[in-house]
Amino acid sequence: MAGQIQQAIEPGLPGFAQALEVFAQVRGPGLPDPESAETTPAPPLRRGYTTGACAAAAAAGAATLLITGERLPAVEIDLPAGFLHTFELTGWQRTGSHTASCATVKDAGDDPDATHLAWIEAAVSWRDQPGVEIDGGRGVGRVTKPGLPVGVGEAAINPVPRRMIQEAVTAVLEEHGAARGLRVVISVPEGESIALKTLNPRLGILGGISILGTRGVVTPFSTEAYKASVVQAISVAAAAGNRQVVLTTGGSSEKYAIAMFAELPEEAFIQMGEYVGFSLEHAKAYGLRKVTFVGMAGKFSKVAQGAMLIHSKNAPVDFGFLASVAAGAGASLGQVQEIAAANTASQVVDMMTEAGNHTFFEQLCRHACEQSLAHMNGGMIVEMVLITMKGRVLGRAEIHG
């Protein structure tokens, strides 16, 4: 699913304000492998700008074109991040004295953002009432499920981008003394196809992408953006009435989880990445009753040993711990010694699988459940299902906290 969510669903929930920078949209293909290790320093990554900032820039350009007839080559927008940025404009069109439009091309910097180079267009027209009315056009999704920062039936333009668009257009109106109201329609011509690469359909955002961004900038491979996508998905799952969510570390394990729990709706399945503790905390905060983990033994053995952030840099596999679990599961002294001297978790998995030691995997699952409940101070049911790379179940356990 990370530099893509928004700031305004449930501000009181733990970590939420920081979380919502960009959601499903940015968390598609292109993320770094959670288990990869850097061996050389990486060059500085170039930041980008959100769809919300681009929409505000296009709206300001279109309003200027409507009022003055001037085709601005660029506009400067004051970003919530605390600085000004100049956006180049293109695609100017003016129909008589009533409507005008222009666009900007989104630059996501070095982030693997699904909306990079998307054409973000704003069309403006006069309205009889004062103020600025904002809506979505072609390629901007419509919200069909509760739990998002925008109401059901509305265009998926999140609160901060709405404010940015309103402020940008209002400034143009005031600058030119135009005492009338404007209607602004944001469109993304390729938005419907782009949205297929995102989690928007699962979140109930249909027909296009979301217009996002709490700060106006996209931080490449942002941790907060990835975590935001997790919070967004949990929020939607809870708002849809789910009492259980299934958390996986990525697409492969999720595929097997969906087949395993076919009775659950699609929004119950959430790719949490490496953020085990964070996901558990938010699942509990949103009132979910049960969390099921489905994944590979290598990663979840770290949860069994007490790690709640399971990136390889934060939580190396503890082979001494695995050896003690094997001993408790009836492994021979030779097997215990081999496990203690192993180099990878997959070696241990293969060793215990070949030995037919199912108790080992069941005990790993129980330890993982216990550690998860301890992290949350109970109050939920936690289930762990360990699978192979081909989806075969190695072990399973469930504990009521």
Protein backbone atom coordinates (compact mmCIF):
# COMPACT_ATOMS: atom_id res chain seq x y z
CA MET A 1 0.00 0.00 0.00
CA ALA A 2 3.30 4.78 1.11
CA GLY A 3 4.89 9.33 -0.08
CA GLN A 4 -0.83 8.52 0.04
CA ILE A 5 -4.63 10.16 3.35
CA GLN A 6 -6.37 13.06 5.11
CA GLN A 7 -6.56 14.77 8.45
CA ALA A 8 -10.20 14.88 9.37
CA ILE A 9 -12.01 11.61 10.04
CA GLU A 10 -11.74 11.06 13.78
CA PRO A 11 -9.25 13.61 15.10
CA GLY A 12 -9.44 12.16 18.59
CA LEU A 13 -8.13 8.73 17.64
CA PRO A 14 -4.51 7.97 18.55
CA GLY A 15 -2.04 8.96 15.85
CA PHE A 16 -4.74 9.93 13.40
CA ALA A 17 -3.83 13.53 12.68
CA GLN A 18 -0.31 12.53 11.77
CA ALA A 19 -1.54 9.54 9.85
CA LEU A 20 -3.80 10.90 7.18
CA GLU A 21 -1.54 12.38 4.49
CA VAL A 22 -2.36 10.25 1.52
CA PHE A 23 -4.17 6.90 1.36
CA ALA A 24 -5.01 4.02 -0.91
CA GLN A 25 -3.95 6.10 -3.83
CA VAL A 26 -0.31 6.22 -3.08
CA ARG A 27 0.06 2.85 -1.60
CA GLY A 28 0.30 0.78 -4.70
CA PRO A 29 3.15 -0.94 -6.53
CA GLY A 30 6.59 0.54 -6.13
CA LEU A 31 7.07 0.46 -2.37
CA PRO A 32 10.43 -0.70 -1.07
CA ASP A 33 10.61 -4.31 0.06
CA PRO A 34 10.00 -4.30 3.83
CA GLU A 35 12.73 -6.94 4.20
CA SER A 36 15.34 -5.25 2.02
CA ALA A 37 18.45 -3.78 3.57
CA GLU A 38 20.29 -0.77 2.24
CA THR A 39 23.99 -1.32 1.78
CA THR A 40 24.96 2.10 0.43
CA PRO A 41 23.69 5.57 1.31
CA ALA A 42 20.85 6.62 -0.97
CA PRO A 43 20.88 10.02 -2.69
CA PRO A 44 18.37 12.57 -1.37
CA LEU A 45 14.89 11.95 -2.70
CA ARG A 46 12.99 14.74 -4.42
CA ARG A 47 9.67 15.62 -2.80
CA GLY A 48 6.49 16.02 -4.82
CA TYR A 49 3.16 17.79 -4.51
CA THR A 50 -0.27 16.38 -3.71
CA THR A 51 -3.32 16.21 -5.93
CA GLY A 52 -4.95 18.70 -3.55
CA ALA A 53 -2.22 21.28 -4.09
CA CYS A 54 -2.38 20.76 -7.85
CA ALA A 55 -6.16 21.17 -7.83
CA ALA A 56 -5.87 24.44 -5.91
CA ALA A 57 -3.30 25.75 -8.39
CA ALA A 58 -5.44 24.80 -11.39
CA ALA A 59 -8.50 26.39 -9.78
CA ALA A 60 -6.63 29.66 -9.19
CA GLY A 61 -5.45 29.69 -12.80
CA ALA A 62 -8.94 28.96 -14.14
CA ALA A 63 -10.50 31.68 -11.96
CA THR A 64 -7.96 34.21 -13.22
CA LEU A 65 -8.66 33.21 -16.82
CA LEU A 66 -12.42 33.59 -16.29
CA ILE A 67 -12.18 36.99 -14.63
CA THR A 68 -9.39 38.61 -16.65
CA GLY A 69 -8.95 36.51 -19.77
CA GLU A 70 -5.26 36.11 -18.85
CA ARG A 71 -3.61 32.70 -19.37
CA LEU A 72 -1.18 32.57 -16.48
CA PRO A 73 1.86 30.36 -17.18
CA ALA A 74 2.12 29.56 -13.47
CA VAL A 75 0.57 30.35 -10.10
CA GLU A 76 2.03 30.43 -6.61
CA ILE A 77 0.16 28.53 -3.91
CA ASP A 78 0.63 28.81 -0.16
CA LEU A 79 0.94 25.20 1.03
CA PRO A 80 -0.19 23.94 4.46
CA ALA A 81 3.38 22.69 4.89
CA GLY A 82 4.33 26.31 5.50
CA PHE A 83 5.89 27.53 2.26
CA LEU A 84 4.97 28.79 -1.19
CA HIS A 85 5.35 26.73 -4.35
CA THR A 86 4.93 27.72 -7.98
CA PHE A 87 2.88 25.37 -10.17
CA GLU A 88 3.13 25.55 -13.95
CA LEU A 89 -0.22 25.71 -15.74
CA THR A 90 -1.42 24.38 -19.08
CA GLY A 91 -4.59 23.53 -21.04
CA TRP A 92 -6.32 26.93 -20.80
CA GLN A 93 -9.84 27.17 -22.24
CA ARG A 94 -12.43 29.94 -21.94
CA THR A 95 -16.01 29.72 -23.16
CA GLY A 96 -17.47 33.19 -23.51
CA SER A 97 -17.59 35.04 -20.21
CA HIS A 98 -19.19 32.29 -18.15
CA THR A 99 -16.75 29.35 -17.87
CA ALA A 100 -13.00 28.75 -17.99
CA SER A 101 -10.62 25.92 -17.22
CA CYS A 102 -6.94 25.13 -16.97
CA ALA A 103 -4.78 22.36 -15.60
CA THR A 104 -1.48 21.40 -14.08
CA VAL A 105 0.47 18.15 -14.33
CA LYS A 106 1.14 16.50 -10.99
CA ASP A 107 4.76 15.97 -10.01
CA ALA A 108 5.04 13.35 -7.27
CA GLY A 109 8.82 13.75 -7.02
CA ASP A 110 10.60 10.49 -6.31
CA ASP A 111 7.60 8.87 -4.65
CA PRO A 112 6.03 5.83 -6.40
CA ASP A 113 2.70 7.64 -6.51
CA ALA A 114 0.01 6.24 -8.80
CA THR A 115 -0.99 9.81 -9.71
CA HIS A 116 2.47 10.95 -10.84
CA LEU A 117 2.15 12.99 -14.08
CA ALA A 118 -1.65 12.98 -13.86
CA TRP A 119 -3.45 15.88 -15.55
CA ILE A 120 -5.35 17.75 -12.79
CA GLU A 121 -7.92 20.13 -14.26
CA ALA A 122 -10.20 22.77 -12.75
CA ALA A 123 -13.23 24.21 -14.52
CA VAL A 124 -14.84 27.32 -13.00
CA SER A 125 -18.15 29.01 -13.74
CA TRP A 126 -20.11 31.87 -12.22
CA ARG A 127 -22.88 31.14 -9.76
CA ASP A 128 -25.62 33.44 -8.47
CA GLN A 129 -24.89 32.83 -4.80
CA PRO A 130 -21.73 34.19 -3.15
CA GLY A 131 -18.97 31.81 -2.07
CA VAL A 132 -17.13 28.92 -3.68
CA GLU A 133 -18.86 25.62 -4.50
CA ILE A 134 -16.54 22.64 -5.08
CA ASP A 135 -17.36 19.36 -6.82
CA GLY A 136 -15.64 16.54 -8.67
CA GLY A 137 -15.93 15.80 -12.36
CA ARG A 138 -14.58 13.09 -14.62
CA GLY A 139 -11.98 10.87 -12.99
CA VAL A 140 -12.61 12.07 -9.43
CA GLY A 141 -14.18 9.33 -7.37
CA ARG A 142 -17.46 9.38 -5.46
CA VAL A 143 -17.69 8.11 -1.90
CA THR A 144 -20.06 5.15 -1.49
CA LYS A 145 -19.06 3.84 1.96
CA PRO A 146 -18.98 5.57 5.35
CA GLY A 147 -15.79 5.97 7.37
CA LEU A 148 -13.99 8.42 5.07
CA PRO A 149 -13.37 12.13 5.69
CA VAL A 150 -15.96 12.93 3.01
CA GLY A 151 -19.64 12.02 3.23
CA VAL A 152 -21.31 9.30 1.18
CA GLY A 153 -22.37 10.64 -2.22
CA GLU A 154 -19.82 13.45 -2.27
CA ALA A 155 -16.83 13.82 -4.56
CA ALA A 156 -13.69 12.35 -2.99
CA ILE A 157 -12.03 15.71 -2.44
CA ASN A 158 -10.74 15.65 1.10
CA PRO A 159 -11.18 18.47 3.63
CA VAL A 160 -7.76 20.11 3.39
CA PRO A 161 -7.74 20.18 -0.45
CA ARG A 162 -11.25 21.65 -0.34
CA ARG A 163 -10.00 24.40 1.92
CA MET A 164 -6.97 25.01 -0.29
CA ILE A 165 -9.15 25.28 -3.41
CA GLN A 166 -11.57 27.61 -1.66
CA GLU A 167 -8.80 29.86 -0.36
CA ALA A 168 -7.00 29.98 -3.72
CA VAL A 169 -10.16 30.91 -5.65
CA THR A 170 -11.35 33.37 -3.01
CA ALA A 171 -7.99 35.15 -3.19
CA VAL A 172 -8.40 35.59 -6.95
CA LEU A 173 -11.95 36.90 -6.56
CA GLU A 174 -10.84 39.40 -3.93
CA GLU A 175 -7.77 40.48 -5.90
CA HIS A 176 -9.94 41.45 -8.87
CA GLY A 177 -12.90 42.77 -6.89
CA ALA A 178 -15.31 40.17 -8.26
CA ALA A 179 -18.33 40.17 -5.96
CA ARG A 180 -19.79 36.92 -7.25
CA GLY A 181 -19.60 33.26 -6.39
CA LEU A 182 -17.82 30.54 -8.33
CA ARG A 183 -18.42 26.85 -8.91
CA VAL A 184 -15.24 24.79 -9.20
CA VAL A 185 -15.22 21.30 -10.70
CA ILE A 186 -12.00 19.27 -10.39
CA SER A 187 -11.40 16.57 -13.02
CA VAL A 188 -8.66 14.03 -13.69
CA PRO A 189 -9.21 12.63 -17.22
CA GLU A 190 -7.24 9.44 -16.53
CA GLY A 191 -8.49 9.17 -12.96
CA GLU A 192 -10.74 6.18 -13.46
CA SER A 193 -7.92 4.03 -14.87
CA ILE A 194 -5.44 5.33 -12.29
CA ALA A 195 -7.85 4.40 -9.50
CA LEU A 196 -7.70 0.74 -10.55
CA LYS A 197 -4.06 0.74 -9.35
CA THR A 198 -5.11 1.98 -5.90
CA LEU A 199 -7.21 0.76 -2.98
CA ASN A 200 -9.98 3.27 -3.76
CA PRO A 201 -12.49 0.66 -5.02
CA ARG A 202 -12.07 -1.37 -1.83
CA LEU A 203 -12.60 1.77 0.24
CA GLY A 204 -15.81 2.51 -1.65
CA ILE A 205 -14.44 5.38 -3.73
CA LEU A 206 -15.76 4.67 -7.21
CA GLY A 207 -15.22 6.28 -10.60
CA GLY A 208 -11.82 7.79 -10.04
CA ILE A 209 -9.10 8.91 -7.68
CA SER A 210 -9.24 10.98 -4.51
CA ILE A 211 -8.00 14.55 -4.26
CA LEU A 212 -5.73 14.40 -1.23
CA GLY A 213 -3.04 16.00 0.87
CA THR A 214 -2.90 17.51 4.36
CA ARG A 215 0.37 19.36 3.80
CA GLY A 216 0.43 19.87 0.05
CA VAL A 217 3.67 17.96 -0.33
CA VAL A 218 4.46 14.29 -0.94
CA THR A 219 7.37 12.88 1.02
CA PRO A 220 8.95 9.98 -0.91
CA PHE A 221 8.32 6.59 0.70
CA SER A 222 6.69 8.32 3.64
CA THR A 223 6.20 6.16 6.71
CA GLU A 224 3.33 8.34 7.85
CA ALA A 225 1.62 8.02 4.47
CA TYR A 226 1.75 4.23 4.61
CA LYS A 227 0.44 4.22 8.17
CA ALA A 228 -2.28 6.60 7.03
CA SER A 229 -3.46 4.09 4.47
CA VAL A 230 -3.77 1.50 7.23
CA VAL A 231 -5.83 3.83 9.41
CA GLN A 232 -8.06 4.74 6.47
CA ALA A 233 -8.72 1.08 5.72
CA ILE A 234 -9.47 0.26 9.36
CA SER A 235 -11.85 3.22 9.54
CA VAL A 236 -13.77 2.06 6.46
CA ALA A 237 -13.91 -1.53 7.74
CA ALA A 238 -15.32 -0.38 11.08
CA ALA A 239 -17.81 2.05 9.52
CA ALA A 240 -19.10 -0.78 7.30
CA GLY A 241 -20.01 -2.74 10.42
CA ASN A 242 -17.15 -5.23 10.40
CA ARG A 243 -16.22 -6.66 13.76
CA GLN A 244 -13.18 -8.51 12.39
CA VAL A 245 -10.29 -7.43 10.18
CA VAL A 246 -7.62 -9.60 8.59
CA LEU A 247 -4.17 -8.02 8.62
CA THR A 248 -1.43 -9.14 6.25
CA THR A 249 2.05 -7.89 5.42
CA GLY A 250 1.50 -7.69 1.66
CA GLY A 251 -0.31 -8.79 -1.47
CA SER A 252 0.74 -12.45 -1.52
CA SER A 253 -0.41 -13.23 1.99
CA GLU A 254 -3.57 -11.19 1.46
CA LYS A 255 -4.47 -13.29 -1.59
CA TYR A 256 -4.38 -16.45 0.53
CA ALA A 257 -6.20 -14.71 3.38
CA ILE A 258 -9.08 -13.72 1.09
CA ALA A 259 -9.46 -17.33 -0.03
CA MET A 260 -9.26 -18.53 3.57
CA PHE A 261 -11.89 -16.09 4.87
CA ALA A 262 -14.17 -15.91 1.85
CA GLU A 263 -17.15 -15.04 4.06
CA LEU A 264 -15.66 -11.62 4.94
CA PRO A 265 -16.23 -8.53 2.76
CA GLU A 266 -13.32 -7.04 0.86
CA GLU A 267 -12.90 -4.06 3.20
CA ALA A 268 -12.09 -6.45 6.07
CA PHE A 269 -8.71 -7.27 4.46
CA ILE A 270 -5.95 -4.76 5.17
CA GLN A 271 -2.29 -4.78 4.15
CA MET A 272 -0.56 -3.42 7.25
CA GLY A 273 3.03 -3.83 6.03
CA GLU A 274 5.41 -3.94 8.99
CA TYR A 275 3.21 -1.92 11.37
CA VAL A 276 1.81 -4.63 13.62
CA GLY A 277 1.49 -2.67 16.86
CA PHE A 278 0.21 0.45 15.12
CA SER A 279 -2.47 -1.56 13.31
CA LEU A 280 -3.54 -3.33 16.48
CA GLU A 281 -3.87 -0.04 18.36
CA HIS A 282 -6.10 1.48 15.70
CA ALA A 283 -8.19 -1.66 15.32
CA LYS A 284 -8.94 -1.49 19.03
CA ALA A 285 -9.55 2.29 18.92
CA TYR A 286 -12.14 1.81 16.18
CA GLY A 287 -13.98 -0.78 18.25
CA LEU A 288 -13.12 -3.90 16.27
CA ARG A 289 -13.59 -7.12 18.20
CA LYS A 290 -11.21 -9.48 16.41
CA VAL A 291 -7.95 -9.17 14.51
CA THR A 292 -6.65 -12.06 12.44
CA PHE A 293 -3.08 -12.07 11.16
CA VAL A 294 -2.23 -14.14 8.11
CA GLY A 295 1.35 -14.38 6.89
CA MET A 296 4.69 -16.07 6.67
CA ALA A 297 6.41 -17.58 9.69
CA GLY A 298 9.60 -15.57 9.17
CA LYS A 299 7.95 -12.20 9.71
CA PHE A 300 5.46 -13.24 12.33
CA SER A 301 8.06 -15.09 14.38
CA LYS A 302 9.22 -11.56 15.23
CA VAL A 303 5.78 -10.77 16.63
CA ALA A 304 5.99 -13.98 18.66
CA GLN A 305 9.22 -12.71 20.20
CA GLY A 306 7.55 -9.37 21.05
CA ALA A 307 8.39 -7.10 18.10
CA MET A 308 5.53 -4.84 16.99
CA LEU A 309 7.46 -3.24 14.11
CA ILE A 310 8.77 -6.09 12.01
CA HIS A 311 11.10 -4.50 9.47
CA SER A 312 14.42 -6.35 9.39
CA LYS A 313 16.23 -3.24 10.62
CA ASN A 314 14.03 -2.95 13.68
CA ALA A 315 13.54 -6.60 14.54
CA PRO A 316 16.07 -9.24 13.48
CA VAL A 317 14.99 -12.84 13.87
CA ASP A 318 15.91 -14.15 17.32
CA PHE A 319 17.13 -17.69 16.63
CA GLY A 320 17.65 -18.35 20.32
CA PHE A 321 13.95 -17.66 20.84
CA LEU A 322 13.01 -19.98 17.96
CA ALA A 323 15.26 -22.67 19.41
CA SER A 324 13.50 -22.39 22.78
CA VAL A 325 10.09 -22.66 21.09
CA ALA A 326 11.32 -25.75 19.22
CA ALA A 327 12.56 -27.30 22.47
CA GLY A 328 9.17 -26.68 24.07
CA ALA A 329 7.51 -28.26 21.03
CA GLY A 330 9.44 -31.51 21.48
CA ALA A 331 12.23 -31.00 18.94
CA SER A 332 15.36 -33.08 19.41
CA LEU A 333 18.49 -31.59 20.92
CA GLY A 334 20.17 -31.69 17.51
CA GLN A 335 17.29 -29.81 15.90
CA VAL A 336 17.30 -27.20 18.66
CA GLN A 337 21.02 -26.66 18.17
CA GLU A 338 20.59 -26.37 14.40
CA ILE A 339 17.84 -23.78 14.83
CA ALA A 340 19.98 -21.76 17.23
CA ALA A 341 22.74 -21.68 14.58
CA ALA A 342 20.45 -20.98 11.61
CA ASN A 343 20.94 -17.98 9.31
CA THR A 344 17.39 -17.40 8.12
CA ALA A 345 13.87 -17.97 9.38
CA SER A 346 13.07 -19.93 6.22
CA GLN A 347 15.70 -22.48 7.24
CA VAL A 348 13.92 -22.98 10.52
CA VAL A 349 10.54 -23.26 8.80
CA ASP A 350 11.90 -25.88 6.41
CA MET A 351 13.53 -27.80 9.24
CA MET A 352 10.38 -27.97 11.37
CA THR A 353 8.20 -28.72 8.34
CA GLU A 354 10.38 -31.62 7.29
CA ALA A 355 10.34 -32.89 10.88
CA GLY A 356 6.54 -32.73 10.86
CA ASN A 357 6.63 -30.63 14.03
CA HIS A 358 3.25 -28.89 13.79
CA THR A 359 3.35 -28.04 17.49
CA PHE A 360 6.26 -25.68 16.81
CA PHE A 361 4.12 -23.53 14.48
CA GLU A 362 1.13 -23.66 16.78
CA GLN A 363 3.29 -22.45 19.66
CA LEU A 364 4.66 -19.63 17.51
CA CYS A 365 1.08 -18.59 16.78
CA ARG A 366 0.17 -18.66 20.48
CA HIS A 367 3.20 -16.54 21.39
CA ALA A 368 2.29 -14.03 18.66
CA CYS A 369 -1.28 -13.78 19.95
CA GLU A 370 -0.11 -13.32 23.52
CA GLN A 371 2.38 -10.61 22.59
CA SER A 372 -0.27 -8.80 20.54
CA LEU A 373 -2.74 -8.83 23.41
CA ALA A 374 -0.07 -7.66 25.84
CA HIS A 375 0.73 -4.75 23.52
CA MET A 376 -2.92 -3.65 23.51
CA ASN A 377 -3.65 -4.47 27.16
CA GLY A 378 -6.23 -6.99 25.98
CA GLY A 379 -9.77 -6.20 25.01
CA MET A 380 -9.82 -8.11 21.70
CA ILE A 381 -9.63 -11.53 20.14
CA VAL A 382 -6.37 -12.13 18.29
CA GLU A 383 -5.89 -14.95 15.81
CA MET A 384 -2.67 -15.91 14.03
CA VAL A 385 -2.45 -18.06 10.91
CA LEU A 386 1.02 -18.94 9.63
CA ILE A 387 1.26 -19.97 5.99
CA THR A 388 3.90 -21.02 3.47
CA MET A 389 4.79 -19.04 0.36
CA LYS A 390 2.26 -21.21 -1.48
CA GLY A 391 -0.51 -20.61 1.04
CA ARG A 392 -0.42 -23.89 2.96
CA VAL A 393 -1.32 -23.45 6.63
CA LEU A 394 1.55 -24.26 8.98
CA GLY A 395 -0.07 -23.38 12.27
CA ARG A 396 -2.99 -21.51 13.79
CA ALA A 397 -4.05 -20.19 17.18
CA GLU A 398 -6.66 -17.84 18.66
CA ILE A 399 -6.69 -16.18 22.07
CA HIS A 400 -9.49 -14.12 23.64
CA GLY A 401 -8.10 -11.13 25.47
